[in-house]
């Protein structure tokens, strides 16, 4: 039979083992809670930074495109996505525009520049840019310092003025400086 000393040692070992288990569980729980809070803190900072960057980019680079909604999706403590639904208001008609899905994590954010850059259609002598998702045509601006526009810039102003029951957005650019009165003379009356 076991001596009382051996029983006391076994009991002390079991007690010590349970103490170690309980302390380990508490430390793991505290570490997980801390990691969760720190992760959410960094994710929230990145979300705010990406929201601000998207609004700023839209305000500067796309002032004629409005943000209809901008929501956070697939959000975790490690990162997520922001989905930006956009449209254009052309003479009171809301025209659907491409949706951006931008991502973020603790340390960086990524705006989906692939969707911001328009697609190009080129067939024979016809060349134009379009929104990749909605396939809406995007206006092309002319700049006199660019010598070759790969087929030229098509002047669609006369075609737009003859369209019935349609709305259009026109990109107007000039090959030289004009006064406001000279510009107004060049714009068709029914435009």
N, C-alpha and C. Protein backbone atom coordinates (compact mmCIF):
# COMPACT_ATOMS: atom_id res chain seq x y z
N UNK A 1 0.82 -1.19 0.00
CA UNK A 1 0.00 0.00 0.00
C UNK A 1 0.86 1.24 0.00
N UNK A 2 0.19 2.27 -0.47
CA UNK A 2 0.91 3.55 -0.58
C UNK A 2 0.99 4.21 0.79
N UNK A 3 2.06 4.86 0.96
CA UNK A 3 2.21 5.58 2.21
C UNK A 3 1.46 6.90 2.12
N UNK A 4 1.20 7.46 3.25
CA UNK A 4 0.47 8.73 3.28
C UNK A 4 1.26 9.85 2.60
N UNK A 5 2.58 9.73 2.62
CA UNK A 5 3.42 10.72 1.95
C UNK A 5 3.23 10.65 0.44
N UNK A 6 3.16 9.44 -0.11
CA UNK A 6 2.96 9.28 -1.55
C UNK A 6 1.57 9.78 -1.95
N UNK A 7 0.58 9.50 -1.12
CA UNK A 7 -0.78 9.99 -1.41
C UNK A 7 -0.81 11.51 -1.39
N UNK A 8 -0.14 12.08 -0.41
CA UNK A 8 -0.09 13.54 -0.32
C UNK A 8 0.63 14.14 -1.53
N UNK A 9 1.72 13.47 -1.98
CA UNK A 9 2.44 13.95 -3.17
C UNK A 9 1.56 13.86 -4.42
N UNK A 10 0.84 12.75 -4.59
CA UNK A 10 -0.05 12.59 -5.76
C UNK A 10 -1.15 13.66 -5.73
N UNK A 11 -1.69 13.88 -4.54
CA UNK A 11 -2.75 14.89 -4.40
C UNK A 11 -2.21 16.27 -4.72
N UNK A 12 -1.01 16.57 -4.26
CA UNK A 12 -0.39 17.87 -4.54
C UNK A 12 -0.09 18.01 -6.04
N UNK A 13 0.36 16.90 -6.67
CA UNK A 13 0.63 16.94 -8.11
C UNK A 13 -0.66 17.22 -8.88
N UNK A 14 -1.75 16.52 -8.53
CA UNK A 14 -3.04 16.76 -9.19
C UNK A 14 -3.51 18.19 -9.00
N UNK A 15 -3.38 18.67 -7.78
CA UNK A 15 -3.79 20.04 -7.48
C UNK A 15 -2.96 21.04 -8.29
N UNK A 16 -1.65 20.80 -8.37
CA UNK A 16 -0.76 21.67 -9.15
C UNK A 16 -1.12 21.59 -10.64
N UNK A 17 -1.43 20.38 -11.15
CA UNK A 17 -1.80 20.19 -12.55
C UNK A 17 -3.08 20.98 -12.87
N UNK A 18 -4.09 20.92 -12.00
CA UNK A 18 -5.33 21.65 -12.23
C UNK A 18 -5.11 23.16 -12.16
N UNK A 19 -4.22 23.60 -11.26
CA UNK A 19 -3.88 25.03 -11.19
C UNK A 19 -3.27 25.49 -12.52
N UNK A 20 -2.33 24.68 -13.04
CA UNK A 20 -1.68 25.02 -14.31
C UNK A 20 -2.71 25.07 -15.43
N UNK A 21 -3.63 24.11 -15.47
CA UNK A 21 -4.69 24.07 -16.50
C UNK A 21 -5.56 25.32 -16.40
N UNK A 22 -6.01 25.66 -15.22
CA UNK A 22 -6.90 26.82 -15.02
C UNK A 22 -6.17 28.11 -15.38
N UNK A 23 -4.93 28.24 -14.92
CA UNK A 23 -4.14 29.45 -15.25
C UNK A 23 -3.93 29.54 -16.76
N UNK A 24 -3.65 28.42 -17.40
CA UNK A 24 -3.45 28.40 -18.86
C UNK A 24 -4.73 28.82 -19.59
N UNK A 25 -5.86 28.30 -19.14
CA UNK A 25 -7.14 28.66 -19.77
C UNK A 25 -7.41 30.15 -19.60
N UNK A 26 -7.19 30.68 -18.41
CA UNK A 26 -7.40 32.11 -18.17
C UNK A 26 -6.47 32.96 -19.05
N UNK A 27 -5.20 32.57 -19.14
CA UNK A 27 -4.24 33.32 -19.96
C UNK A 27 -4.65 33.28 -21.43
N UNK A 28 -5.07 32.10 -21.92
CA UNK A 28 -5.51 31.98 -23.31
C UNK A 28 -6.74 32.85 -23.56
N UNK A 29 -7.70 32.84 -22.66
CA UNK A 29 -8.91 33.66 -22.82
C UNK A 29 -8.58 35.15 -22.82
N UNK A 30 -7.70 35.57 -21.91
CA UNK A 30 -7.30 36.98 -21.86
C UNK A 30 -6.54 37.35 -23.13
N UNK A 31 -5.65 36.47 -23.59
CA UNK A 31 -4.89 36.75 -24.82
C UNK A 31 -5.83 36.84 -26.03
N UNK A 32 -6.81 35.93 -26.12
CA UNK A 32 -7.77 35.98 -27.24
C UNK A 32 -8.61 37.26 -27.19
N UNK A 33 -9.06 37.63 -25.99
CA UNK A 33 -9.85 38.85 -25.86
C UNK A 33 -9.01 40.08 -26.25
N UNK A 34 -7.75 40.10 -25.83
CA UNK A 34 -6.85 41.21 -26.19
C UNK A 34 -6.60 41.24 -27.69
N UNK A 35 -6.33 40.08 -28.27
CA UNK A 35 -6.11 40.00 -29.72
C UNK A 35 -7.36 40.46 -30.48
N UNK A 36 -8.52 40.07 -30.01
CA UNK A 36 -9.78 40.48 -30.64
C UNK A 36 -9.95 42.00 -30.60
N UNK A 37 -9.70 42.58 -29.43
CA UNK A 37 -9.84 44.04 -29.31
C UNK A 37 -8.81 44.78 -30.15
N UNK A 38 -7.55 44.33 -30.12
CA UNK A 38 -6.50 44.97 -30.90
C UNK A 38 -6.80 44.81 -32.40
N UNK A 39 -7.22 43.62 -32.80
CA UNK A 39 -7.56 43.37 -34.20
C UNK A 39 -8.70 44.26 -34.67
N UNK A 40 -9.74 44.38 -33.87
CA UNK A 40 -10.87 45.24 -34.23
C UNK A 40 -10.45 46.71 -34.28
N UNK A 41 -9.54 47.11 -33.40
CA UNK A 41 -9.05 48.49 -33.41
C UNK A 41 -8.33 48.80 -34.73
N UNK A 42 -7.38 47.92 -35.12
CA UNK A 42 -6.65 48.15 -36.37
C UNK A 42 -7.57 48.04 -37.59
N UNK A 43 -8.51 47.10 -37.57
CA UNK A 43 -9.45 46.95 -38.69
C UNK A 43 -10.34 48.19 -38.80
N UNK A 44 -10.79 48.74 -37.67
CA UNK A 44 -11.63 49.94 -37.69
C UNK A 44 -10.86 51.14 -38.22
N UNK A 45 -9.57 51.27 -37.84
CA UNK A 45 -8.74 52.36 -38.38
C UNK A 45 -8.59 52.23 -39.89
N UNK A 46 -8.34 51.01 -40.37
CA UNK A 46 -8.19 50.79 -41.81
C UNK A 46 -9.50 51.04 -42.54
N UNK A 47 -10.62 50.65 -41.95
CA UNK A 47 -11.92 50.90 -42.57
C UNK A 47 -12.15 52.39 -42.73
N UNK A 48 -11.90 53.15 -41.70
CA UNK A 48 -12.08 54.60 -41.75
C UNK A 48 -11.16 55.23 -42.79
N UNK A 49 -9.91 54.79 -42.81
CA UNK A 49 -8.94 55.31 -43.77
C UNK A 49 -9.38 55.01 -45.21
N UNK A 50 -9.89 53.80 -45.46
CA UNK A 50 -10.34 53.43 -46.80
C UNK A 50 -11.60 54.19 -47.19
N UNK A 51 -12.55 54.34 -46.26
CA UNK A 51 -13.75 55.15 -46.55
C UNK A 51 -13.34 56.57 -46.97
N UNK A 52 -12.45 57.18 -46.19
CA UNK A 52 -12.00 58.53 -46.50
C UNK A 52 -11.31 58.60 -47.85
N UNK A 53 -10.46 57.61 -48.16
CA UNK A 53 -9.76 57.59 -49.45
C UNK A 53 -10.73 57.44 -50.60
N UNK A 54 -11.76 56.61 -50.43
CA UNK A 54 -12.75 56.42 -51.50
C UNK A 54 -13.55 57.70 -51.75
N UNK A 55 -13.98 58.37 -50.67
CA UNK A 55 -14.72 59.62 -50.84
C UNK A 55 -13.84 60.70 -51.46
N UNK A 56 -12.59 60.79 -51.04
CA UNK A 56 -11.67 61.79 -51.58
C UNK A 56 -11.39 61.51 -53.06
N UNK A 57 -11.13 60.25 -53.40
CA UNK A 57 -10.89 59.90 -54.80
C UNK A 57 -12.11 60.25 -55.66
N UNK A 58 -13.29 59.95 -55.15
CA UNK A 58 -14.50 60.26 -55.90
C UNK A 58 -14.68 61.76 -56.07
N UNK A 59 -14.40 62.52 -55.04
CA UNK A 59 -14.57 63.97 -55.09
C UNK A 59 -13.60 64.63 -56.07
N UNK A 60 -12.37 64.11 -56.14
CA UNK A 60 -11.35 64.72 -57.00
C UNK A 60 -11.39 64.16 -58.42
N UNK A 61 -11.36 62.84 -58.55
CA UNK A 61 -11.19 62.22 -59.86
C UNK A 61 -12.51 61.96 -60.58
N UNK A 62 -13.61 61.90 -59.86
CA UNK A 62 -14.90 61.57 -60.47
C UNK A 62 -16.02 62.44 -59.91
N UNK A 63 -15.92 63.75 -60.07
CA UNK A 63 -16.92 64.61 -59.44
C UNK A 63 -18.32 64.45 -60.04
N UNK A 64 -18.41 63.89 -61.24
CA UNK A 64 -19.72 63.71 -61.87
C UNK A 64 -20.33 62.34 -61.56
N UNK A 65 -19.67 61.54 -60.74
CA UNK A 65 -20.19 60.24 -60.32
C UNK A 65 -20.53 60.35 -58.85
N UNK A 66 -21.76 59.97 -58.50
CA UNK A 66 -22.15 60.07 -57.10
C UNK A 66 -22.12 58.70 -56.43
N UNK A 67 -21.79 58.71 -55.16
CA UNK A 67 -21.78 57.48 -54.37
C UNK A 67 -23.18 57.32 -53.78
N UNK A 68 -23.87 56.24 -54.18
CA UNK A 68 -25.21 55.98 -53.67
C UNK A 68 -25.16 55.32 -52.30
N UNK A 69 -24.25 54.37 -52.14
CA UNK A 69 -24.06 53.73 -50.84
C UNK A 69 -22.65 53.19 -50.77
N UNK A 70 -22.15 53.13 -49.56
CA UNK A 70 -20.81 52.60 -49.33
C UNK A 70 -20.88 51.81 -48.03
N UNK A 71 -20.84 50.48 -48.15
CA UNK A 71 -21.03 49.63 -46.99
C UNK A 71 -19.84 48.70 -46.79
N UNK A 72 -19.61 48.33 -45.54
CA UNK A 72 -18.56 47.39 -45.20
C UNK A 72 -19.15 45.99 -45.28
N UNK A 73 -18.47 45.10 -46.00
CA UNK A 73 -18.93 43.72 -46.10
C UNK A 73 -17.77 42.78 -45.81
N UNK A 74 -18.09 41.56 -45.48
CA UNK A 74 -17.09 40.54 -45.16
C UNK A 74 -16.09 41.06 -44.14
N UNK A 75 -16.59 41.73 -43.13
CA UNK A 75 -15.72 42.35 -42.13
C UNK A 75 -15.35 41.35 -41.04
N UNK A 76 -14.06 41.25 -40.79
CA UNK A 76 -13.55 40.44 -39.68
C UNK A 76 -12.57 41.30 -38.91
N UNK A 77 -11.99 40.74 -37.86
CA UNK A 77 -11.00 41.51 -37.11
C UNK A 77 -9.69 41.62 -37.86
N UNK A 78 -9.55 40.86 -38.96
CA UNK A 78 -8.32 40.91 -39.74
C UNK A 78 -8.45 41.80 -40.98
N UNK A 79 -9.66 42.17 -41.36
CA UNK A 79 -9.87 43.01 -42.54
C UNK A 79 -11.26 42.79 -43.11
N UNK A 80 -11.43 43.24 -44.36
CA UNK A 80 -12.73 43.09 -45.00
C UNK A 80 -12.79 43.84 -46.30
N UNK A 81 -14.01 44.09 -46.76
CA UNK A 81 -14.24 44.78 -48.03
C UNK A 81 -15.20 45.94 -47.81
N UNK A 82 -15.06 46.95 -48.66
CA UNK A 82 -16.03 48.04 -48.71
C UNK A 82 -16.60 48.04 -50.13
N UNK A 83 -17.91 47.95 -50.23
CA UNK A 83 -18.60 47.94 -51.52
C UNK A 83 -19.21 49.32 -51.73
N UNK A 84 -18.84 49.96 -52.85
CA UNK A 84 -19.31 51.30 -53.18
C UNK A 84 -20.20 51.21 -54.41
N UNK A 85 -21.49 51.52 -54.23
CA UNK A 85 -22.43 51.55 -55.34
C UNK A 85 -22.50 52.98 -55.87
N UNK A 86 -22.34 53.12 -57.19
CA UNK A 86 -22.23 54.45 -57.78
C UNK A 86 -23.24 54.64 -58.92
N UNK A 87 -23.54 55.90 -59.21
CA UNK A 87 -24.42 56.24 -60.33
C UNK A 87 -24.06 57.65 -60.82
N UNK A 88 -24.67 58.02 -61.94
CA UNK A 88 -24.53 59.37 -62.47
C UNK A 88 -25.92 59.96 -62.59
N UNK A 89 -26.03 61.25 -62.35
CA UNK A 89 -27.29 61.95 -62.56
C UNK A 89 -27.10 62.81 -63.80
N UNK A 90 -27.75 62.41 -64.89
CA UNK A 90 -27.64 63.14 -66.14
C UNK A 90 -29.00 63.77 -66.44
N UNK A 91 -29.07 65.07 -66.25
CA UNK A 91 -30.28 65.84 -66.51
C UNK A 91 -31.49 65.26 -65.78
N UNK A 92 -31.31 64.84 -64.54
CA UNK A 92 -32.41 64.33 -63.74
C UNK A 92 -32.63 62.83 -63.87
N UNK A 93 -31.92 62.16 -64.75
CA UNK A 93 -32.04 60.72 -64.91
C UNK A 93 -30.85 60.05 -64.23
N UNK A 94 -31.15 59.10 -63.35
CA UNK A 94 -30.09 58.38 -62.65
C UNK A 94 -29.65 57.21 -63.54
N UNK A 95 -28.36 57.20 -63.87
CA UNK A 95 -27.79 56.17 -64.72
C UNK A 95 -26.85 55.32 -63.86
N UNK A 96 -27.07 53.99 -63.89
CA UNK A 96 -26.23 53.09 -63.10
C UNK A 96 -24.78 53.18 -63.56
N UNK A 97 -23.87 53.16 -62.58
CA UNK A 97 -22.43 53.17 -62.86
C UNK A 97 -21.80 52.01 -62.12
N UNK A 98 -20.56 51.72 -62.40
CA UNK A 98 -19.88 50.55 -61.84
C UNK A 98 -19.81 50.55 -60.33
N UNK A 99 -19.80 49.36 -59.75
CA UNK A 99 -19.65 49.14 -58.32
C UNK A 99 -18.19 48.82 -58.01
N UNK A 100 -17.65 49.45 -56.99
CA UNK A 100 -16.27 49.17 -56.57
C UNK A 100 -16.28 48.27 -55.34
N UNK A 101 -15.40 47.29 -55.32
CA UNK A 101 -15.19 46.48 -54.13
C UNK A 101 -13.74 46.66 -53.73
N UNK A 102 -13.52 47.39 -52.66
CA UNK A 102 -12.17 47.69 -52.18
C UNK A 102 -11.91 46.91 -50.90
N UNK A 103 -10.66 46.54 -50.67
CA UNK A 103 -10.34 45.70 -49.52
C UNK A 103 -9.39 46.43 -48.56
N UNK A 104 -9.37 45.95 -47.32
CA UNK A 104 -8.48 46.50 -46.31
C UNK A 104 -8.07 45.40 -45.35
N UNK A 105 -6.93 45.59 -44.70
CA UNK A 105 -6.51 44.73 -43.60
C UNK A 105 -5.92 45.64 -42.52
N UNK A 106 -5.18 45.11 -41.60
CA UNK A 106 -4.69 45.91 -40.49
C UNK A 106 -3.79 47.05 -40.93
N UNK A 107 -2.98 46.84 -41.93
CA UNK A 107 -1.95 47.82 -42.25
C UNK A 107 -2.12 48.52 -43.59
N UNK A 108 -2.93 48.00 -44.48
CA UNK A 108 -3.08 48.65 -45.79
C UNK A 108 -4.50 48.52 -46.30
N UNK A 109 -4.78 49.34 -47.31
CA UNK A 109 -6.07 49.27 -47.98
C UNK A 109 -5.82 49.32 -49.49
N UNK A 110 -6.76 48.77 -50.24
CA UNK A 110 -6.59 48.67 -51.68
C UNK A 110 -7.88 49.08 -52.38
N UNK A 111 -7.82 50.19 -53.13
CA UNK A 111 -8.96 50.62 -53.94
C UNK A 111 -8.89 49.87 -55.27
N UNK A 112 -10.01 49.35 -55.70
CA UNK A 112 -10.06 48.56 -56.93
C UNK A 112 -9.89 49.47 -58.15
N UNK A 113 -8.64 49.79 -58.46
CA UNK A 113 -8.37 50.71 -59.58
C UNK A 113 -8.71 50.10 -60.92
N UNK A 114 -8.80 48.79 -61.00
CA UNK A 114 -9.19 48.16 -62.26
C UNK A 114 -10.57 48.63 -62.70
N UNK A 115 -11.47 48.81 -61.76
CA UNK A 115 -12.83 49.27 -62.10
C UNK A 115 -12.89 50.78 -62.29
N UNK A 116 -11.93 51.52 -61.77
CA UNK A 116 -11.92 52.97 -61.96
C UNK A 116 -11.44 53.36 -63.35
N UNK A 117 -10.57 52.55 -63.94
CA UNK A 117 -10.04 52.84 -65.27
C UNK A 117 -11.02 52.30 -66.30
N UNK A 118 -11.49 53.15 -67.21
CA UNK A 118 -12.47 52.67 -68.19
C UNK A 118 -11.87 51.66 -69.17
N UNK A 119 -12.74 50.83 -69.72
CA UNK A 119 -12.33 49.90 -70.77
C UNK A 119 -12.26 50.63 -72.10
N UNK A 120 -11.60 50.02 -73.07
CA UNK A 120 -11.47 50.63 -74.39
C UNK A 120 -12.11 49.72 -75.44
N UNK A 121 -12.89 50.32 -76.31
CA UNK A 121 -13.45 49.59 -77.45
C UNK A 121 -12.79 50.15 -78.70
N UNK A 122 -12.25 49.27 -79.51
CA UNK A 122 -11.59 49.69 -80.74
C UNK A 122 -11.98 48.73 -81.85
N UNK A 123 -12.69 49.26 -82.84
CA UNK A 123 -13.09 48.46 -84.00
C UNK A 123 -13.02 49.35 -85.23
N UNK A 124 -12.27 48.93 -86.21
CA UNK A 124 -12.02 49.72 -87.43
C UNK A 124 -11.50 51.08 -87.03
N UNK A 125 -12.31 52.11 -87.30
CA UNK A 125 -11.89 53.47 -86.95
C UNK A 125 -12.63 54.01 -85.73
N UNK A 126 -13.42 53.15 -85.10
CA UNK A 126 -14.20 53.59 -83.95
C UNK A 126 -13.44 53.25 -82.66
N UNK A 127 -13.25 54.24 -81.83
CA UNK A 127 -12.55 54.07 -80.56
C UNK A 127 -13.30 54.87 -79.50
N UNK A 128 -13.64 54.23 -78.41
CA UNK A 128 -14.22 54.95 -77.28
C UNK A 128 -13.96 54.19 -76.00
N UNK A 129 -14.17 54.90 -74.88
CA UNK A 129 -14.00 54.31 -73.56
C UNK A 129 -15.37 54.02 -72.97
N UNK A 130 -15.44 53.01 -72.10
CA UNK A 130 -16.71 52.64 -71.48
C UNK A 130 -16.47 52.13 -70.06
N UNK A 131 -17.52 52.23 -69.24
CA UNK A 131 -17.47 51.67 -67.90
C UNK A 131 -17.52 50.15 -68.03
N UNK A 132 -16.62 49.46 -67.38
CA UNK A 132 -16.47 48.01 -67.58
C UNK A 132 -17.68 47.21 -67.11
N UNK A 133 -18.39 47.69 -66.09
CA UNK A 133 -19.53 46.92 -65.59
C UNK A 133 -20.83 47.25 -66.31
N UNK A 134 -21.10 48.53 -66.48
CA UNK A 134 -22.39 48.93 -67.06
C UNK A 134 -22.34 49.08 -68.57
N UNK A 135 -21.14 49.14 -69.13
CA UNK A 135 -20.91 49.32 -70.57
C UNK A 135 -21.40 50.68 -71.06
N UNK A 136 -21.58 51.64 -70.15
CA UNK A 136 -21.93 53.00 -70.52
C UNK A 136 -20.69 53.70 -71.07
N UNK A 137 -20.89 54.47 -72.13
CA UNK A 137 -19.78 55.17 -72.76
C UNK A 137 -19.28 56.29 -71.84
N UNK A 138 -17.97 56.46 -71.80
CA UNK A 138 -17.33 57.48 -70.97
C UNK A 138 -16.79 58.56 -71.90
N UNK A 139 -17.02 59.82 -71.55
CA UNK A 139 -16.53 60.93 -72.37
C UNK A 139 -15.01 60.98 -72.39
N UNK A 140 -14.45 61.31 -73.54
CA UNK A 140 -13.00 61.43 -73.70
C UNK A 140 -12.66 62.89 -73.91
N UNK A 141 -11.72 63.39 -73.15
CA UNK A 141 -11.32 64.78 -73.26
C UNK A 141 -10.11 64.91 -74.18
N UNK A 142 -10.08 65.99 -74.91
CA UNK A 142 -8.98 66.28 -75.82
C UNK A 142 -8.01 67.22 -75.13
N UNK A 143 -6.74 66.99 -75.33
CA UNK A 143 -5.72 67.91 -74.82
C UNK A 143 -4.77 68.22 -75.96
N UNK A 144 -4.55 69.50 -76.27
CA UNK A 144 -3.75 69.85 -77.45
C UNK A 144 -2.30 69.37 -77.41
N UNK A 145 -1.74 69.10 -76.24
CA UNK A 145 -0.35 68.68 -76.19
C UNK A 145 -0.16 67.20 -76.56
N UNK A 146 -1.25 66.44 -76.56
CA UNK A 146 -1.17 65.03 -76.98
C UNK A 146 -1.34 64.99 -78.49
N UNK A 147 -0.33 64.50 -79.18
CA UNK A 147 -0.33 64.55 -80.64
C UNK A 147 -1.12 63.40 -81.28
N UNK A 148 -1.07 62.20 -80.70
CA UNK A 148 -1.73 61.07 -81.33
C UNK A 148 -2.73 60.45 -80.36
N UNK A 149 -4.00 60.47 -80.72
CA UNK A 149 -5.05 59.87 -79.91
C UNK A 149 -5.45 58.50 -80.43
N UNK A 150 -4.57 57.84 -81.17
CA UNK A 150 -4.85 56.50 -81.69
C UNK A 150 -6.19 56.45 -82.41
N UNK A 151 -6.29 57.22 -83.46
CA UNK A 151 -7.51 57.24 -84.25
C UNK A 151 -8.30 58.52 -84.09
N UNK A 152 -7.84 59.41 -83.24
CA UNK A 152 -8.51 60.70 -83.07
C UNK A 152 -9.62 60.67 -82.04
N UNK A 153 -10.10 61.85 -81.76
CA UNK A 153 -11.23 62.01 -80.84
C UNK A 153 -12.46 62.27 -81.70
N UNK A 154 -13.47 61.45 -81.52
CA UNK A 154 -14.69 61.59 -82.30
C UNK A 154 -15.53 62.72 -81.71
N UNK A 155 -16.03 63.59 -82.56
CA UNK A 155 -16.90 64.67 -82.13
C UNK A 155 -18.34 64.20 -82.28
N UNK A 156 -18.95 63.80 -81.18
CA UNK A 156 -20.32 63.28 -81.16
C UNK A 156 -21.35 64.33 -80.81
N UNK A 157 -20.96 65.59 -80.73
CA UNK A 157 -21.88 66.63 -80.29
C UNK A 157 -23.10 66.74 -81.19
N UNK A 158 -22.92 66.67 -82.50
CA UNK A 158 -24.06 66.77 -83.41
C UNK A 158 -24.96 65.55 -83.29
N UNK A 159 -24.39 64.38 -83.05
CA UNK A 159 -25.20 63.17 -82.90
C UNK A 159 -26.02 63.23 -81.61
N UNK A 160 -25.45 63.77 -80.55
CA UNK A 160 -26.16 63.87 -79.29
C UNK A 160 -27.35 64.81 -79.42
N UNK A 161 -27.18 65.91 -80.12
CA UNK A 161 -28.27 66.87 -80.25
C UNK A 161 -29.44 66.33 -81.06
N UNK A 162 -29.23 65.27 -81.84
CA UNK A 162 -30.31 64.69 -82.65
C UNK A 162 -30.96 63.49 -81.97
N UNK A 163 -30.47 63.08 -80.84
CA UNK A 163 -31.05 61.93 -80.13
C UNK A 163 -32.40 62.31 -79.54
N UNK A 164 -33.38 61.44 -79.70
CA UNK A 164 -34.72 61.66 -79.15
C UNK A 164 -34.93 60.71 -77.96
N UNK A 165 -35.53 61.22 -76.91
CA UNK A 165 -35.85 60.44 -75.71
C UNK A 165 -34.62 59.78 -75.08
N UNK A 166 -33.50 60.46 -75.12
CA UNK A 166 -32.27 60.00 -74.51
C UNK A 166 -31.62 61.15 -73.75
N UNK A 167 -30.83 60.81 -72.79
CA UNK A 167 -29.99 61.80 -72.13
C UNK A 167 -28.54 61.38 -72.35
N UNK A 168 -27.66 62.36 -72.36
CA UNK A 168 -26.24 62.06 -72.56
C UNK A 168 -25.40 63.05 -71.79
N UNK A 169 -24.25 62.58 -71.40
CA UNK A 169 -23.25 63.42 -70.75
C UNK A 169 -22.17 63.67 -71.80
N UNK A 170 -21.81 64.93 -71.95
CA UNK A 170 -20.86 65.29 -72.99
C UNK A 170 -19.59 65.84 -72.34
N UNK A 171 -18.45 65.34 -72.80
CA UNK A 171 -17.16 65.86 -72.35
C UNK A 171 -16.74 66.93 -73.36
N UNK A 172 -16.68 68.14 -72.91
CA UNK A 172 -16.31 69.23 -73.81
C UNK A 172 -14.88 69.66 -73.50
N UNK A 173 -14.06 69.65 -74.53
CA UNK A 173 -12.68 70.12 -74.40
C UNK A 173 -12.37 70.95 -75.64
N UNK A 174 -11.35 71.76 -75.55
CA UNK A 174 -11.06 72.73 -76.60
C UNK A 174 -9.63 72.62 -77.08
N UNK A 175 -9.44 72.93 -78.37
CA UNK A 175 -8.09 72.86 -78.94
C UNK A 175 -7.33 74.16 -78.78
N UNK A 176 -8.01 75.18 -78.29
CA UNK A 176 -7.37 76.48 -78.04
C UNK A 176 -8.24 77.26 -77.05
N UNK A 177 -7.72 78.33 -76.49
CA UNK A 177 -8.53 79.12 -75.54
C UNK A 177 -9.69 79.83 -76.27
N UNK A 178 -10.89 79.77 -75.67
CA UNK A 178 -12.06 80.46 -76.20
C UNK A 178 -12.69 81.29 -75.09
N UNK A 179 -13.41 82.35 -75.46
CA UNK A 179 -14.19 83.10 -74.49
C UNK A 179 -15.50 82.35 -74.26
N UNK A 180 -16.22 82.71 -73.20
CA UNK A 180 -17.48 82.05 -72.91
C UNK A 180 -18.46 82.25 -74.06
N UNK A 181 -18.51 83.44 -74.65
CA UNK A 181 -19.44 83.70 -75.77
C UNK A 181 -19.09 82.83 -76.98
N UNK A 182 -17.80 82.64 -77.25
CA UNK A 182 -17.40 81.79 -78.37
C UNK A 182 -17.80 80.33 -78.12
N UNK A 183 -17.70 79.90 -76.88
CA UNK A 183 -18.10 78.53 -76.54
C UNK A 183 -19.60 78.38 -76.69
N UNK A 184 -20.37 79.36 -76.21
CA UNK A 184 -21.83 79.28 -76.29
C UNK A 184 -22.30 79.25 -77.75
N UNK A 185 -21.61 79.92 -78.66
CA UNK A 185 -21.97 79.90 -80.07
C UNK A 185 -21.78 78.50 -80.68
N UNK A 186 -20.81 77.75 -80.18
CA UNK A 186 -20.49 76.43 -80.74
C UNK A 186 -21.42 75.33 -80.25
N UNK A 187 -22.14 75.55 -79.15
CA UNK A 187 -23.03 74.52 -78.60
C UNK A 187 -24.38 74.62 -79.29
N UNK A 188 -24.90 73.49 -79.83
CA UNK A 188 -26.21 73.51 -80.49
C UNK A 188 -27.32 73.99 -79.56
N UNK A 189 -28.35 74.62 -80.12
CA UNK A 189 -29.43 75.19 -79.33
C UNK A 189 -30.23 74.15 -78.56
N UNK A 190 -30.41 72.97 -79.15
CA UNK A 190 -31.24 71.96 -78.50
C UNK A 190 -30.45 71.03 -77.58
N UNK A 191 -29.24 71.41 -77.25
CA UNK A 191 -28.43 70.59 -76.36
C UNK A 191 -28.60 71.06 -74.93
